[in-house]
Amino acid sequence: MMTVFAIFNLGGGEIVLILLLVLILFGAKKIPELAKGLGQGIKEFKKATNEVTNELHNAMDDNRYTPAKSIEPPKTPAESVPTQQTAATTPPVEPQAKA
């Protein structure tokens, strides 16, 4: 706690003066409410920070890569088309003679 005040180069007298001003400005009844609101705000901020950090770690760890399916070679025309009689394979029909 003292390191925080050392950053601002505050001594004991300055800290007491600041606390006394806060007490005068807000009153004894408001200070606990302000502290509670400040604590809840810090709690929500930490929660949001942890959620973002966890989401980033999960995204980096997630292995969504799936290898491509193997592609089968194309079938030959005889394998892909069922056997059907076409004009080329149908025997020619001879005309019947009229009597």
C-alpha atoms as a PDB file:
ATOM      1  CA  MET A   1       0.000   0.000   0.000  1.00  0.00           C
ATOM      2  CA  MET A   2       2.834   2.345   0.790  1.00  0.00           C
ATOM      3  CA  THR A   3       4.321   1.816  -2.681  1.00  0.00           C
ATOM      4  CA  VAL A   4       1.204   3.384  -4.204  1.00  0.00           C
ATOM      5  CA  PHE A   5       1.654   6.504  -2.110  1.00  0.00           C
ATOM      6  CA  ALA A   6       5.387   6.497  -2.840  1.00  0.00           C
ATOM      7  CA  ILE A   7       4.613   6.771  -6.551  1.00  0.00           C
ATOM      8  CA  PHE A   8       2.798  10.053  -5.908  1.00  0.00           C
ATOM      9  CA  ASN A   9       5.445  11.127  -3.377  1.00  0.00           C
ATOM     10  CA  LEU A  10       2.859  11.592  -0.601  1.00  0.00           C
ATOM     11  CA  GLY A  11       3.764  11.680   3.058  1.00  0.00           C
ATOM     12  CA  GLY A  12       1.644  10.829   6.087  1.00  0.00           C
ATOM     13  CA  GLY A  13       0.369  14.388   6.551  1.00  0.00           C
ATOM     14  CA  GLU A  14      -0.829  14.671   2.948  1.00  0.00           C
ATOM     15  CA  ILE A  15      -2.658  11.338   3.157  1.00  0.00           C
ATOM     16  CA  VAL A  16      -4.471  12.393   6.331  1.00  0.00           C
ATOM     17  CA  LEU A  17      -5.437  15.701   4.701  1.00  0.00           C
ATOM     18  CA  ILE A  18      -6.847  13.934   1.627  1.00  0.00           C
ATOM     19  CA  LEU A  19      -8.852  11.488   3.775  1.00  0.00           C
ATOM     20  CA  LEU A  20     -10.200  14.374   5.852  1.00  0.00           C
ATOM     21  CA  LEU A  21     -11.302  16.237   2.689  1.00  0.00           C
ATOM     22  CA  VAL A  22     -13.036  13.123   1.367  1.00  0.00           C
ATOM     23  CA  LEU A  23     -14.830  12.724   4.692  1.00  0.00           C
ATOM     24  CA  ILE A  24     -15.982  16.350   4.659  1.00  0.00           C
ATOM     25  CA  LEU A  25     -17.088  16.315   1.012  1.00  0.00           C
ATOM     26  CA  PHE A  26     -18.991  13.031   1.000  1.00  0.00           C
ATOM     27  CA  GLY A  27     -19.920  12.503   4.630  1.00  0.00           C
ATOM     28  CA  ALA A  28     -19.589   9.419   6.772  1.00  0.00           C
ATOM     29  CA  LYS A  29     -22.677   7.748   5.300  1.00  0.00           C
ATOM     30  CA  LYS A  30     -21.647   8.092   1.656  1.00  0.00           C
ATOM     31  CA  ILE A  31     -18.072   6.794   1.952  1.00  0.00           C
ATOM     32  CA  PRO A  32     -19.046   3.094   2.424  1.00  0.00           C
ATOM     33  CA  GLU A  33     -21.431   3.315  -0.536  1.00  0.00           C
ATOM     34  CA  LEU A  34     -18.712   4.868  -2.710  1.00  0.00           C
ATOM     35  CA  ALA A  35     -16.218   2.215  -1.631  1.00  0.00           C
ATOM     36  CA  LYS A  36     -18.748  -0.537  -2.371  1.00  0.00           C
ATOM     37  CA  GLY A  37     -19.424   0.856  -5.847  1.00  0.00           C
ATOM     38  CA  LEU A  38     -15.714   1.209  -6.507  1.00  0.00           C
ATOM     39  CA  GLY A  39     -15.138  -2.395  -5.383  1.00  0.00           C
ATOM     40  CA  GLN A  40     -17.909  -3.701  -7.642  1.00  0.00           C
ATOM     41  CA  GLY A  41     -16.521  -1.739 -10.568  1.00  0.00           C
ATOM     42  CA  ILE A  42     -13.059  -3.193 -10.052  1.00  0.00           C
ATOM     43  CA  LYS A  43     -14.556  -6.693  -9.714  1.00  0.00           C
ATOM     44  CA  GLU A  44     -16.462  -6.328 -13.014  1.00  0.00           C
ATOM     45  CA  PHE A  45     -13.361  -4.988 -14.747  1.00  0.00           C
ATOM     46  CA  LYS A  46     -11.262  -7.956 -13.577  1.00  0.00           C
ATOM     47  CA  LYS A  47     -14.008 -10.372 -14.648  1.00  0.00           C
ATOM     48  CA  ALA A  48     -14.178  -8.858 -18.137  1.00  0.00           C
ATOM     49  CA  THR A  49     -10.388  -8.886 -18.412  1.00  0.00           C
ATOM     50  CA  ASN A  50     -10.240 -12.567 -17.434  1.00  0.00           C
ATOM     51  CA  GLU A  51     -12.988 -13.457 -19.929  1.00  0.00           C
ATOM     52  CA  VAL A  52     -11.136 -11.748 -22.771  1.00  0.00           C
ATOM     53  CA  THR A  53      -7.862 -13.411 -21.771  1.00  0.00           C
ATOM     54  CA  ASN A  54      -9.510 -16.854 -21.581  1.00  0.00           C
ATOM     55  CA  GLU A  55     -11.186 -16.327 -24.952  1.00  0.00           C
ATOM     56  CA  LEU A  56      -7.855 -15.443 -26.558  1.00  0.00           C
ATOM     57  CA  HIS A  57      -6.149 -18.485 -25.024  1.00  0.00           C
ATOM     58  CA  ASN A  58      -8.985 -20.760 -26.165  1.00  0.00           C
ATOM     59  CA  ALA A  59      -8.821 -19.341 -29.679  1.00  0.00           C
ATOM     60  CA  MET A  60      -5.075 -19.970 -29.860  1.00  0.00           C
ATOM     61  CA  ASP A  61      -5.391 -23.503 -28.462  1.00  0.00           C
ATOM     62  CA  ASP A  62      -8.370 -24.494 -30.582  1.00  0.00           C
ATOM     63  CA  ASN A  63      -7.408 -26.854 -33.377  1.00  0.00           C
ATOM     64  CA  ARG A  64     -10.162 -26.288 -35.854  1.00  0.00           C
ATOM     65  CA  TYR A  65      -8.032 -27.348 -38.790  1.00  0.00           C
ATOM     66  CA  THR A  66      -9.359 -30.469 -40.417  1.00  0.00           C
ATOM     67  CA  PRO A  67      -7.377 -32.087 -43.198  1.00  0.00           C
ATOM     68  CA  ALA A  68      -8.948 -32.037 -46.633  1.00  0.00           C
ATOM     69  CA  LYS A  69     -10.782 -35.144 -47.723  1.00  0.00           C
ATOM     70  CA  SER A  70      -8.927 -37.284 -50.192  1.00  0.00           C
ATOM     71  CA  ILE A  71     -10.112 -36.789 -53.726  1.00  0.00           C
ATOM     72  CA  GLU A  72     -10.884 -39.947 -55.650  1.00  0.00           C
ATOM     73  CA  PRO A  73      -9.540 -40.189 -59.181  1.00  0.00           C
ATOM     74  CA  PRO A  74     -12.160 -39.663 -61.888  1.00  0.00           C
ATOM     75  CA  LYS A  75     -13.905 -42.797 -63.069  1.00  0.00           C
ATOM     76  CA  THR A  76     -13.467 -44.027 -66.601  1.00  0.00           C
ATOM     77  CA  PRO A  77     -16.478 -43.520 -68.875  1.00  0.00           C
ATOM     78  CA  ALA A  78     -17.302 -47.248 -68.760  1.00  0.00           C
ATOM     79  CA  GLU A  79     -17.488 -47.188 -64.966  1.00  0.00           C
ATOM     80  CA  SER A  80     -19.418 -43.966 -64.605  1.00  0.00           C
ATOM     81  CA  VAL A  81     -22.172 -44.530 -67.213  1.00  0.00           C
ATOM     82  CA  PRO A  82     -24.544 -47.483 -66.759  1.00  0.00           C
ATOM     83  CA  THR A  83     -24.817 -49.820 -69.695  1.00  0.00           C
ATOM     84  CA  GLN A  84     -27.486 -48.545 -72.047  1.00  0.00           C
ATOM     85  CA  GLN A  85     -28.198 -49.377 -75.621  1.00  0.00           C
ATOM     86  CA  THR A  86     -27.597 -46.434 -77.836  1.00  0.00           C
ATOM     87  CA  ALA A  87     -27.813 -45.990 -81.574  1.00  0.00           C
ATOM     88  CA  ALA A  88     -24.185 -47.030 -81.892  1.00  0.00           C
ATOM     89  CA  THR A  89     -24.679 -50.326 -80.042  1.00  0.00           C
ATOM     90  CA  THR A  90     -28.196 -51.182 -81.304  1.00  0.00           C
ATOM     91  CA  PRO A  91     -28.209 -53.498 -84.315  1.00  0.00           C
ATOM     92  CA  PRO A  92     -29.706 -51.892 -87.405  1.00  0.00           C
ATOM     93  CA  VAL A  93     -33.286 -52.851 -88.187  1.00  0.00           C
ATOM     94  CA  GLU A  94     -33.869 -53.945 -91.747  1.00  0.00           C
ATOM     95  CA  PRO A  95     -37.014 -52.649 -93.428  1.00  0.00           C
ATOM     96  CA  GLN A  96     -39.698 -55.220 -94.020  1.00  0.00           C
ATOM     97  CA  ALA A  97     -40.695 -55.932 -97.554  1.00  0.00           C
ATOM     98  CA  LYS A  98     -44.286 -55.114 -98.490  1.00  0.00           C
ATOM     99  CA  ALA A  99     -46.193 -57.931-100.080  1.00  0.00           C
END
